[in-house]
Amino acid sequence: MAEVQVQEKGGKGGKVRSKKQNTRVDMTPMVDLGFLLITFFMFTTTFSKPNVMDLGLPAKPKEDQPKPPPTEIKLSNSISLLLGKDNKIFWHQQDNSSLNDQTLNETTYDREGIRKIIEKAKAGAADKTKFTVIIKPTDDAVYKNFVDILDEMAITKSEQYGVTDVKPWEKAIYDKKVGNNGASAAPATK
């Protein structure tokens, strides 16, 4: 509350002067109100929940169980996607002997690009129940592009997909296609 403090000066006779009044505002209730508001908003605010993508990973085999044979995926039932630098994506359905820079095709991440290619490959698969998308991010790929491809797997209802490393023969063709010289060299200085 506001208080008015009056100072009285003792003096004899003379002119009657008006008394100076000093005002002082007590800030204690204001501080209490501030803490009450902060507490109220802390308890009533809903925090945003992180969005998590569900990945179905295979169970780790026990040591006493025999190792399962490697899974062989036929080229007619699969498509390989190479995630490259500068938001580029390449795809192919070739083996190491027939892949070249003409058969390594480039597309975009939009619905007219990679989505149509996945749907077309799925429709042309020999066994549609075993159609598999093999995702191969390069060292130059960014995380956003990887998440975009996983979203495309959900949109195109491609339930079988795998993430693996780029094979050396694919890396050589990729480097040739994007203009890398095999290794990232330091820029020349004068």
N, C-alpha and C. Protein backbone atom coordinates (compact mmCIF):
# COMPACT_ATOMS: atom_id res chain seq x y z
N MET A 1 0.83 -1.18 0.00
CA MET A 1 0.00 0.00 0.00
C MET A 1 0.87 1.24 0.00
N ALA A 2 0.33 2.29 -0.47
CA ALA A 2 1.07 3.55 -0.51
C ALA A 2 0.94 4.24 0.84
N GLU A 3 2.02 4.76 1.27
CA GLU A 3 2.03 5.50 2.53
C GLU A 3 2.45 6.92 2.27
N VAL A 4 1.95 7.79 3.04
CA VAL A 4 2.37 9.18 2.98
C VAL A 4 3.08 9.47 4.29
N GLN A 5 4.34 9.82 4.13
CA GLN A 5 5.11 10.15 5.33
C GLN A 5 5.26 11.65 5.43
N VAL A 6 4.98 12.13 6.56
CA VAL A 6 5.04 13.58 6.79
C VAL A 6 6.20 13.85 7.72
N GLN A 7 7.03 14.79 7.31
CA GLN A 7 8.13 15.18 8.18
C GLN A 7 7.78 16.50 8.85
N GLU A 8 7.94 16.48 10.10
CA GLU A 8 7.66 17.72 10.83
C GLU A 8 8.96 18.30 11.32
N LYS A 9 9.11 19.57 11.05
CA LYS A 9 10.29 20.25 11.55
C LYS A 9 9.87 21.13 12.72
N GLY A 10 10.56 20.93 13.73
CA GLY A 10 10.23 21.78 14.90
C GLY A 10 10.83 23.16 14.73
N GLY A 11 10.06 24.13 14.89
CA GLY A 11 10.58 25.48 14.75
C GLY A 11 9.64 26.45 15.44
N LYS A 12 10.17 27.61 15.71
CA LYS A 12 9.36 28.59 16.40
C LYS A 12 8.89 29.64 15.44
N GLY A 13 7.65 29.96 15.54
CA GLY A 13 7.06 31.06 14.81
C GLY A 13 7.48 31.13 13.37
N GLY A 14 7.27 32.21 12.77
CA GLY A 14 7.65 32.42 11.41
C GLY A 14 6.53 32.12 10.46
N LYS A 15 6.91 32.03 9.23
CA LYS A 15 5.91 31.78 8.21
C LYS A 15 5.45 30.33 8.27
N VAL A 16 4.26 30.16 7.89
CA VAL A 16 3.72 28.80 7.83
C VAL A 16 4.01 28.28 6.41
N ARG A 17 4.76 27.26 6.37
CA ARG A 17 5.08 26.67 5.09
C ARG A 17 4.26 25.40 4.89
N SER A 18 4.03 25.12 3.62
CA SER A 18 3.32 23.87 3.37
C SER A 18 4.30 22.72 3.60
N LYS A 19 3.77 21.70 4.10
CA LYS A 19 4.60 20.54 4.45
C LYS A 19 4.87 19.71 3.20
N LYS A 20 6.13 19.29 3.02
CA LYS A 20 6.47 18.41 1.90
C LYS A 20 6.06 17.00 2.26
N GLN A 21 5.43 16.36 1.32
CA GLN A 21 4.99 15.00 1.58
C GLN A 21 5.81 14.05 0.71
N ASN A 22 6.47 13.10 1.32
CA ASN A 22 7.22 12.07 0.61
C ASN A 22 6.34 10.84 0.46
N THR A 23 6.21 10.35 -0.77
CA THR A 23 5.40 9.15 -0.98
C THR A 23 6.33 7.97 -1.23
N ARG A 24 5.93 6.83 -0.78
CA ARG A 24 6.70 5.61 -0.96
C ARG A 24 5.71 4.50 -1.29
N VAL A 25 6.01 3.74 -2.37
CA VAL A 25 5.13 2.65 -2.78
C VAL A 25 5.73 1.35 -2.26
N ASP A 26 4.94 0.57 -1.57
CA ASP A 26 5.39 -0.73 -1.06
C ASP A 26 5.26 -1.76 -2.19
N MET A 27 6.39 -2.35 -2.63
CA MET A 27 6.41 -3.27 -3.78
C MET A 27 6.19 -4.73 -3.39
N THR A 28 6.05 -5.03 -2.14
CA THR A 28 5.89 -6.42 -1.71
C THR A 28 4.68 -7.11 -2.34
N PRO A 29 3.49 -6.49 -2.37
CA PRO A 29 2.36 -7.17 -3.02
C PRO A 29 2.59 -7.38 -4.52
N MET A 30 3.31 -6.45 -5.17
CA MET A 30 3.59 -6.59 -6.60
C MET A 30 4.49 -7.80 -6.86
N VAL A 31 5.48 -8.00 -6.02
CA VAL A 31 6.37 -9.16 -6.16
C VAL A 31 5.60 -10.45 -5.92
N ASP A 32 4.73 -10.45 -4.93
CA ASP A 32 3.90 -11.63 -4.67
C ASP A 32 3.02 -11.96 -5.88
N LEU A 33 2.45 -10.94 -6.47
CA LEU A 33 1.60 -11.14 -7.63
C LEU A 33 2.42 -11.68 -8.81
N GLY A 34 3.63 -11.16 -8.98
CA GLY A 34 4.50 -11.66 -10.05
C GLY A 34 4.81 -13.13 -9.88
N PHE A 35 5.16 -13.56 -8.68
CA PHE A 35 5.45 -14.98 -8.45
C PHE A 35 4.21 -15.84 -8.62
N LEU A 36 3.06 -15.34 -8.23
CA LEU A 36 1.82 -16.10 -8.43
C LEU A 36 1.54 -16.28 -9.93
N LEU A 37 1.75 -15.23 -10.72
CA LEU A 37 1.53 -15.35 -12.17
C LEU A 37 2.52 -16.32 -12.81
N ILE A 38 3.78 -16.23 -12.41
CA ILE A 38 4.78 -17.15 -12.95
C ILE A 38 4.42 -18.58 -12.61
N THR A 39 4.04 -18.83 -11.37
CA THR A 39 3.65 -20.18 -10.95
C THR A 39 2.43 -20.65 -11.72
N PHE A 40 1.44 -19.78 -11.89
CA PHE A 40 0.24 -20.14 -12.61
C PHE A 40 0.56 -20.57 -14.05
N PHE A 41 1.36 -19.75 -14.75
CA PHE A 41 1.68 -20.08 -16.14
C PHE A 41 2.57 -21.31 -16.26
N MET A 42 3.42 -21.55 -15.28
CA MET A 42 4.25 -22.76 -15.33
C MET A 42 3.40 -24.01 -15.22
N PHE A 43 2.39 -23.98 -14.35
CA PHE A 43 1.57 -25.18 -14.15
C PHE A 43 0.51 -25.36 -15.23
N THR A 44 0.11 -24.30 -15.90
CA THR A 44 -0.94 -24.44 -16.90
C THR A 44 -0.40 -24.58 -18.33
N THR A 45 0.90 -24.39 -18.53
CA THR A 45 1.48 -24.50 -19.87
C THR A 45 1.66 -25.97 -20.23
N THR A 46 1.32 -26.31 -21.47
CA THR A 46 1.59 -27.66 -21.94
C THR A 46 2.86 -27.61 -22.77
N PHE A 47 3.77 -28.47 -22.48
CA PHE A 47 5.02 -28.50 -23.20
C PHE A 47 4.85 -29.32 -24.46
N SER A 48 5.54 -28.93 -25.52
CA SER A 48 5.43 -29.68 -26.76
C SER A 48 6.15 -31.01 -26.61
N LYS A 49 5.48 -32.04 -27.07
CA LYS A 49 6.06 -33.38 -26.97
C LYS A 49 6.90 -33.64 -28.21
N PRO A 50 8.06 -34.26 -28.05
CA PRO A 50 8.90 -34.52 -29.22
C PRO A 50 8.25 -35.54 -30.14
N ASN A 51 8.40 -35.30 -31.43
CA ASN A 51 7.88 -36.25 -32.42
C ASN A 51 8.92 -37.33 -32.64
N VAL A 52 8.50 -38.56 -32.47
CA VAL A 52 9.42 -39.68 -32.59
C VAL A 52 8.96 -40.58 -33.72
N MET A 53 9.91 -40.98 -34.53
CA MET A 53 9.59 -41.89 -35.63
C MET A 53 9.88 -43.32 -35.18
N ASP A 54 8.94 -44.19 -35.44
CA ASP A 54 9.08 -45.58 -35.03
C ASP A 54 9.92 -46.34 -36.05
N LEU A 55 11.01 -46.94 -35.60
CA LEU A 55 11.83 -47.76 -36.48
C LEU A 55 11.79 -49.19 -35.96
N GLY A 56 11.43 -50.10 -36.81
CA GLY A 56 11.42 -51.51 -36.43
C GLY A 56 12.79 -52.12 -36.69
N LEU A 57 13.55 -52.32 -35.65
CA LEU A 57 14.89 -52.89 -35.78
C LEU A 57 14.85 -54.37 -35.45
N PRO A 58 15.67 -55.16 -36.11
CA PRO A 58 15.68 -56.60 -35.81
C PRO A 58 16.27 -56.86 -34.43
N ALA A 59 15.80 -57.93 -33.82
CA ALA A 59 16.31 -58.29 -32.50
C ALA A 59 17.73 -58.82 -32.61
N LYS A 60 18.53 -58.53 -31.62
CA LYS A 60 19.91 -59.01 -31.62
C LYS A 60 19.90 -60.52 -31.34
N PRO A 61 20.56 -61.31 -32.20
CA PRO A 61 20.53 -62.75 -31.97
C PRO A 61 21.36 -63.12 -30.73
N LYS A 62 20.91 -64.18 -30.09
CA LYS A 62 21.64 -64.66 -28.91
C LYS A 62 22.90 -65.38 -29.36
N GLU A 63 23.85 -65.47 -28.47
CA GLU A 63 25.15 -66.04 -28.85
C GLU A 63 25.08 -67.54 -29.13
N ASP A 64 24.16 -68.24 -28.49
CA ASP A 64 24.09 -69.69 -28.70
C ASP A 64 23.31 -70.06 -29.98
N GLN A 65 22.62 -69.10 -30.58
CA GLN A 65 21.87 -69.37 -31.81
C GLN A 65 22.80 -69.23 -33.02
N PRO A 66 22.58 -70.06 -34.03
CA PRO A 66 23.41 -69.91 -35.24
C PRO A 66 23.05 -68.63 -35.98
N LYS A 67 24.05 -68.08 -36.65
CA LYS A 67 23.85 -66.84 -37.39
C LYS A 67 23.00 -67.13 -38.62
N PRO A 68 21.95 -66.33 -38.86
CA PRO A 68 21.10 -66.58 -40.03
C PRO A 68 21.86 -66.26 -41.31
N PRO A 69 21.50 -66.93 -42.40
CA PRO A 69 22.19 -66.65 -43.67
C PRO A 69 21.86 -65.23 -44.13
N PRO A 70 22.76 -64.60 -44.88
CA PRO A 70 22.48 -63.24 -45.36
C PRO A 70 21.28 -63.24 -46.30
N THR A 71 20.50 -62.20 -46.19
CA THR A 71 19.30 -62.08 -47.02
C THR A 71 19.69 -61.60 -48.40
N GLU A 72 19.25 -62.32 -49.40
CA GLU A 72 19.53 -61.94 -50.79
C GLU A 72 18.27 -61.29 -51.34
N ILE A 73 18.42 -60.07 -51.83
CA ILE A 73 17.29 -59.34 -52.39
C ILE A 73 17.47 -59.26 -53.91
N LYS A 74 16.48 -59.72 -54.63
CA LYS A 74 16.56 -59.70 -56.09
C LYS A 74 16.42 -58.26 -56.59
N LEU A 75 17.13 -57.95 -57.68
CA LEU A 75 17.07 -56.61 -58.25
C LEU A 75 15.67 -56.24 -58.72
N SER A 76 14.92 -57.25 -59.17
CA SER A 76 13.56 -56.96 -59.67
C SER A 76 12.60 -56.64 -58.53
N ASN A 77 12.98 -56.94 -57.30
CA ASN A 77 12.14 -56.67 -56.14
C ASN A 77 12.69 -55.55 -55.27
N SER A 78 13.61 -54.74 -55.80
CA SER A 78 14.21 -53.72 -54.95
C SER A 78 14.55 -52.48 -55.76
N ILE A 79 14.79 -51.41 -55.02
CA ILE A 79 15.29 -50.17 -55.59
C ILE A 79 16.29 -49.60 -54.58
N SER A 80 17.41 -49.11 -55.08
CA SER A 80 18.43 -48.52 -54.20
C SER A 80 18.39 -47.01 -54.34
N LEU A 81 18.37 -46.32 -53.19
CA LEU A 81 18.35 -44.86 -53.16
C LEU A 81 19.64 -44.37 -52.53
N LEU A 82 20.36 -43.52 -53.23
CA LEU A 82 21.59 -42.91 -52.71
C LEU A 82 21.30 -41.46 -52.36
N LEU A 83 21.43 -41.11 -51.10
CA LEU A 83 21.21 -39.74 -50.66
C LEU A 83 22.52 -38.99 -50.77
N GLY A 84 22.55 -37.96 -51.60
CA GLY A 84 23.79 -37.25 -51.87
C GLY A 84 23.83 -35.86 -51.28
N LYS A 85 24.86 -35.11 -51.68
CA LYS A 85 25.02 -33.75 -51.18
C LYS A 85 24.13 -32.80 -51.96
N ASP A 86 23.95 -31.62 -51.41
CA ASP A 86 23.15 -30.55 -52.03
C ASP A 86 21.72 -31.00 -52.31
N ASN A 87 21.13 -31.76 -51.40
CA ASN A 87 19.75 -32.23 -51.49
C ASN A 87 19.47 -33.02 -52.77
N LYS A 88 20.45 -33.78 -53.22
CA LYS A 88 20.27 -34.61 -54.41
C LYS A 88 20.04 -36.05 -53.98
N ILE A 89 19.22 -36.73 -54.76
CA ILE A 89 18.96 -38.14 -54.51
C ILE A 89 19.07 -38.88 -55.83
N PHE A 90 19.74 -40.03 -55.77
CA PHE A 90 19.95 -40.86 -56.94
C PHE A 90 19.33 -42.23 -56.67
N TRP A 91 18.91 -42.89 -57.73
CA TRP A 91 18.31 -44.22 -57.59
C TRP A 91 18.76 -45.11 -58.74
N HIS A 92 18.73 -46.42 -58.47
CA HIS A 92 19.04 -47.39 -59.52
C HIS A 92 18.47 -48.74 -59.13
N GLN A 93 18.37 -49.61 -60.12
CA GLN A 93 17.96 -51.00 -59.93
C GLN A 93 18.94 -51.88 -60.69
N GLN A 94 20.24 -51.66 -60.44
CA GLN A 94 21.30 -52.35 -61.18
C GLN A 94 22.22 -53.08 -60.21
N ASP A 95 23.01 -54.00 -60.76
CA ASP A 95 24.06 -54.64 -59.97
C ASP A 95 25.39 -53.96 -60.30
N ASN A 96 26.47 -54.46 -59.71
CA ASN A 96 27.76 -53.78 -59.87
C ASN A 96 28.29 -53.83 -61.30
N SER A 97 27.87 -54.81 -62.10
CA SER A 97 28.39 -54.89 -63.47
C SER A 97 27.63 -53.99 -64.44
N SER A 98 26.36 -53.71 -64.16
CA SER A 98 25.58 -52.91 -65.11
C SER A 98 25.36 -51.46 -64.67
N LEU A 99 25.81 -51.08 -63.48
CA LEU A 99 25.62 -49.70 -63.02
C LEU A 99 26.68 -48.80 -63.65
N ASN A 100 26.22 -47.72 -64.27
CA ASN A 100 27.13 -46.71 -64.80
C ASN A 100 26.49 -45.34 -64.59
N ASP A 101 27.14 -44.29 -65.06
CA ASP A 101 26.60 -42.96 -64.78
C ASP A 101 25.33 -42.66 -65.58
N GLN A 102 24.99 -43.46 -66.59
CA GLN A 102 23.71 -43.29 -67.28
C GLN A 102 22.58 -44.01 -66.55
N THR A 103 22.87 -45.12 -65.86
CA THR A 103 21.82 -45.87 -65.16
C THR A 103 21.64 -45.41 -63.71
N LEU A 104 22.53 -44.56 -63.21
CA LEU A 104 22.34 -43.94 -61.89
C LEU A 104 21.54 -42.66 -62.12
N ASN A 105 20.25 -42.73 -61.82
CA ASN A 105 19.33 -41.65 -62.15
C ASN A 105 19.17 -40.68 -60.99
N GLU A 106 19.01 -39.41 -61.31
CA GLU A 106 18.80 -38.39 -60.30
C GLU A 106 17.33 -37.98 -60.29
N THR A 107 16.81 -37.68 -59.10
CA THR A 107 15.42 -37.22 -58.97
C THR A 107 15.36 -36.22 -57.82
N THR A 108 14.15 -35.82 -57.46
CA THR A 108 13.95 -34.84 -56.39
C THR A 108 13.21 -35.50 -55.23
N TYR A 109 13.10 -34.76 -54.11
CA TYR A 109 12.45 -35.28 -52.93
C TYR A 109 10.94 -35.01 -52.90
N ASP A 110 10.39 -34.38 -53.92
CA ASP A 110 8.97 -34.05 -53.87
C ASP A 110 8.10 -35.21 -54.36
N ARG A 111 6.80 -35.00 -54.35
CA ARG A 111 5.88 -36.09 -54.69
C ARG A 111 5.94 -36.47 -56.16
N GLU A 112 6.38 -35.55 -57.00
CA GLU A 112 6.52 -35.88 -58.41
C GLU A 112 7.85 -36.56 -58.70
N GLY A 113 8.74 -36.57 -57.74
CA GLY A 113 10.06 -37.16 -57.93
C GLY A 113 10.14 -38.56 -57.35
N ILE A 114 10.70 -38.65 -56.15
CA ILE A 114 11.01 -39.96 -55.55
C ILE A 114 9.76 -40.78 -55.25
N ARG A 115 8.66 -40.12 -54.91
CA ARG A 115 7.45 -40.87 -54.60
C ARG A 115 6.95 -41.64 -55.82
N LYS A 116 6.92 -40.99 -56.97
CA LYS A 116 6.47 -41.66 -58.19
C LYS A 116 7.42 -42.78 -58.60
N ILE A 117 8.72 -42.57 -58.38
CA ILE A 117 9.69 -43.60 -58.74
C ILE A 117 9.54 -44.83 -57.86
N ILE A 118 9.32 -44.62 -56.56
CA ILE A 118 9.12 -45.76 -55.65
C ILE A 118 7.84 -46.51 -56.03
N GLU A 119 6.76 -45.76 -56.29
CA GLU A 119 5.50 -46.41 -56.66
C GLU A 119 5.62 -47.17 -57.98
N LYS A 120 6.35 -46.60 -58.94
CA LYS A 120 6.54 -47.26 -60.23
C LYS A 120 7.37 -48.53 -60.07
N ALA A 121 8.43 -48.46 -59.27
CA ALA A 121 9.27 -49.64 -59.04
C ALA A 121 8.49 -50.72 -58.29
N LYS A 122 7.65 -50.28 -57.35
CA LYS A 122 6.83 -51.24 -56.59
C LYS A 122 5.83 -51.93 -57.51
N ALA A 123 5.23 -51.17 -58.43
CA ALA A 123 4.25 -51.75 -59.36
C ALA A 123 4.92 -52.71 -60.33
N GLY A 124 6.19 -52.45 -60.68
CA GLY A 124 6.90 -53.32 -61.63
C GLY A 124 7.68 -54.44 -60.97
N ALA A 125 7.56 -54.61 -59.66
CA ALA A 125 8.30 -55.65 -58.95
C ALA A 125 7.76 -57.03 -59.30
N ALA A 126 8.67 -58.01 -59.35
CA ALA A 126 8.27 -59.38 -59.65
C ALA A 126 7.38 -59.94 -58.54
N ASP A 127 7.74 -59.68 -57.29
CA ASP A 127 6.96 -60.12 -56.14
C ASP A 127 6.71 -58.89 -55.26
N LYS A 128 5.51 -58.33 -55.36
CA LYS A 128 5.20 -57.08 -54.65
C LYS A 128 5.25 -57.23 -53.13
N THR A 129 5.07 -58.44 -52.63
CA THR A 129 5.12 -58.63 -51.17
C THR A 129 6.55 -58.57 -50.64
N LYS A 130 7.53 -58.78 -51.51
CA LYS A 130 8.93 -58.75 -51.08
C LYS A 130 9.67 -57.51 -51.58
N PHE A 131 8.93 -56.51 -52.07
CA PHE A 131 9.56 -55.29 -52.58
C PHE A 131 10.28 -54.58 -51.44
N THR A 132 11.55 -54.25 -51.67
CA THR A 132 12.39 -53.65 -50.63
C THR A 132 13.06 -52.39 -51.17
N VAL A 133 13.05 -51.34 -50.37
CA VAL A 133 13.76 -50.11 -50.69
C VAL A 133 15.05 -50.11 -49.87
N ILE A 134 16.17 -49.94 -50.55
CA ILE A 134 17.47 -49.92 -49.87
C ILE A 134 17.96 -48.48 -49.86
N ILE A 135 18.05 -47.90 -48.67
CA ILE A 135 18.44 -46.51 -48.50
C ILE A 135 19.92 -46.47 -48.16
N LYS A 136 20.68 -45.69 -48.94
CA LYS A 136 22.13 -45.62 -48.75
C LYS A 136 22.56 -44.16 -48.66
N PRO A 137 22.63 -43.60 -47.46
CA PRO A 137 23.10 -42.21 -47.35
C PRO A 137 24.62 -42.13 -47.53
N THR A 138 25.06 -41.16 -48.33
CA THR A 138 26.49 -40.94 -48.49
C THR A 138 27.00 -40.09 -47.34
N ASP A 139 28.30 -39.88 -47.30
CA ASP A 139 28.88 -39.05 -46.24
C ASP A 139 28.46 -37.59 -46.39
N ASP A 140 28.04 -37.19 -47.59
CA ASP A 140 27.65 -35.81 -47.84
C ASP A 140 26.18 -35.54 -47.54
N ALA A 141 25.39 -36.57 -47.26
CA ALA A 141 23.95 -36.41 -47.06
C ALA A 141 23.67 -35.71 -45.73
N VAL A 142 22.53 -35.02 -45.69
CA VAL A 142 22.11 -34.34 -44.46
C VAL A 142 20.97 -35.13 -43.82
N TYR A 143 20.81 -34.93 -42.52
CA TYR A 143 19.83 -35.68 -41.75
C TYR A 143 18.40 -35.42 -42.23
N LYS A 144 18.10 -34.18 -42.63
CA LYS A 144 16.76 -33.83 -43.08
C LYS A 144 16.35 -34.69 -44.27
N ASN A 145 17.28 -34.93 -45.20
CA ASN A 145 16.96 -35.75 -46.37
C ASN A 145 16.68 -37.19 -45.97
N PHE A 146 17.40 -37.69 -44.96
CA PHE A 146 17.16 -39.05 -44.48
C PHE A 146 15.76 -39.16 -43.87
N VAL A 147 15.36 -38.15 -43.09
CA VAL A 147 14.02 -38.15 -42.50
C VAL A 147 12.96 -38.04 -43.60
N ASP A 148 13.24 -37.23 -44.63
CA ASP A 148 12.29 -37.12 -45.75
C ASP A 148 12.08 -38.47 -46.44
N ILE A 149 13.15 -39.23 -46.60
CA ILE A 149 13.02 -40.55 -47.25
C ILE A 149 12.23 -41.50 -46.35
N LEU A 150 12.47 -41.45 -45.05
CA LEU A 150 11.69 -42.30 -44.15
C LEU A 150 10.21 -41.91 -44.18
N ASP A 151 9.93 -40.62 -44.32
CA ASP A 151 8.54 -40.19 -44.48
C ASP A 151 7.94 -40.74 -45.77
N GLU A 152 8.73 -40.75 -46.84
CA GLU A 152 8.24 -41.30 -48.11
C GLU A 152 7.95 -42.80 -47.99
N MET A 153 8.71 -43.50 -47.16
CA MET A 153 8.43 -44.92 -46.94
C MET A 153 7.05 -45.10 -46.32
N ALA A 154 6.71 -44.22 -45.39
CA ALA A 154 5.39 -44.29 -44.76
C ALA A 154 4.29 -43.89 -45.75
N ILE A 155 4.53 -42.85 -46.54
CA ILE A 155 3.52 -42.38 -47.48
C ILE A 155 3.24 -43.41 -48.57
N THR A 156 4.31 -44.03 -49.10
CA THR A 156 4.13 -45.02 -50.18
C THR A 156 3.82 -46.41 -49.64
N LYS A 157 3.71 -46.52 -48.32
CA LYS A 157 3.41 -47.80 -47.65
C LYS A 157 4.42 -48.88 -48.01
N SER A 158 5.68 -48.46 -48.09
CA SER A 158 6.78 -49.40 -48.32
C SER A 158 7.24 -49.90 -46.96
N GLU A 159 6.76 -51.07 -46.59
CA GLU A 159 7.02 -51.58 -45.24
C GLU A 159 8.38 -52.22 -45.11
N GLN A 160 8.94 -52.68 -46.22
CA GLN A 160 10.26 -53.31 -46.16
C GLN A 160 11.29 -52.36 -46.76
N TYR A 161 12.12 -51.85 -45.87
CA TYR A 161 13.22 -51.00 -46.32
C TYR A 161 14.39 -51.20 -45.39
N GLY A 162 15.54 -50.92 -45.90
CA GLY A 162 16.75 -51.09 -45.10
C GLY A 162 17.68 -49.91 -45.32
N VAL A 163 18.52 -49.67 -44.32
CA VAL A 163 19.51 -48.61 -44.40
C VAL A 163 20.88 -49.28 -44.33
N THR A 164 21.71 -48.99 -45.30
CA THR A 164 23.03 -49.61 -45.36
C THR A 164 24.03 -48.62 -45.93
N ASP A 165 25.28 -49.02 -45.95
CA ASP A 165 26.34 -48.18 -46.48
C ASP A 165 26.37 -48.26 -48.00
N VAL A 166 26.92 -47.22 -48.60
CA VAL A 166 27.09 -47.21 -50.05
C VAL A 166 28.24 -48.15 -50.40
N LYS A 167 28.01 -49.01 -51.36
CA LYS A 167 29.05 -49.95 -51.80
C LYS A 167 30.15 -49.20 -52.55
N PRO A 168 31.37 -49.70 -52.55
CA PRO A 168 32.46 -48.99 -53.24
C PRO A 168 32.19 -48.77 -54.73
N TRP A 169 31.58 -49.73 -55.40
CA TRP A 169 31.29 -49.57 -56.82
C TRP A 169 30.20 -48.52 -57.05
N GLU A 170 29.27 -48.39 -56.12
CA GLU A 170 28.26 -47.34 -56.22
C GLU A 170 28.88 -45.97 -55.92
N LYS A 171 29.78 -45.94 -54.95
CA LYS A 171 30.45 -44.70 -54.58
C LYS A 171 31.26 -44.15 -55.75
N ALA A 172 31.92 -45.04 -56.50
CA ALA A 172 32.72 -44.61 -57.65
C ALA A 172 31.83 -43.97 -58.71
N ILE A 173 30.68 -44.57 -59.01
CA ILE A 173 29.77 -44.02 -60.01
C ILE A 173 29.14 -42.73 -59.48
N TYR A 174 28.78 -42.70 -58.20
CA TYR A 174 28.22 -41.49 -57.59
C TYR A 174 29.21 -40.33 -57.69
N ASP A 175 30.48 -40.59 -57.33
CA ASP A 175 31.50 -39.54 -57.40
C ASP A 175 31.66 -39.02 -58.83
N LYS A 176 31.62 -39.93 -59.78
CA LYS A 176 31.74 -39.54 -61.18
C LYS A 176 30.55 -38.69 -61.61
N LYS A 177 29.36 -39.06 -61.12
CA LYS A 177 28.13 -38.36 -61.51
C LYS A 177 28.06 -36.95 -60.92
N VAL A 178 28.46 -36.78 -59.66
CA VAL A 178 28.36 -35.46 -59.03
C VAL A 178 29.62 -34.63 -59.19
N GLY A 179 30.66 -35.21 -59.75
CA GLY A 179 31.88 -34.45 -60.01
C GLY A 179 32.90 -34.50 -58.91
N ASN A 180 32.76 -35.44 -57.95
CA ASN A 180 33.80 -35.60 -56.93
C ASN A 180 34.99 -36.31 -57.56
N ASN A 181 36.16 -36.04 -57.07
CA ASN A 181 37.36 -36.71 -57.58
C ASN A 181 37.77 -37.88 -56.70
N GLY A 182 36.81 -38.54 -56.12
CA GLY A 182 37.10 -39.71 -55.30
C GLY A 182 37.33 -39.37 -53.85
N ALA A 183 37.96 -38.27 -53.58
CA ALA A 183 38.21 -37.87 -52.19
C ALA A 183 38.01 -36.36 -52.12
N SER A 184 37.64 -35.89 -50.97
CA SER A 184 37.45 -34.46 -50.83
C SER A 184 38.81 -33.80 -50.61
N ALA A 185 39.25 -33.11 -51.63
CA ALA A 185 40.55 -32.45 -51.58
C ALA A 185 40.38 -31.03 -51.05
N ALA A 186 41.44 -30.53 -50.45
CA ALA A 186 41.40 -29.17 -49.94
C ALA A 186 41.43 -28.20 -51.11
N PRO A 187 40.74 -27.06 -50.98
CA PRO A 187 40.73 -26.11 -52.09
C PRO A 187 42.12 -25.52 -52.30
N ALA A 188 42.43 -25.27 -53.56
CA ALA A 188 43.75 -24.73 -53.89
C ALA A 188 43.82 -23.27 -53.47
N THR A 189 44.95 -22.89 -52.91
CA THR A 189 45.16 -21.51 -52.50
C THR A 189 46.32 -20.92 -53.27
N LYS A 190 46.28 -19.64 -53.46
CA LYS A 190 47.35 -18.97 -54.21
C LYS A 190 48.40 -18.43 -53.28
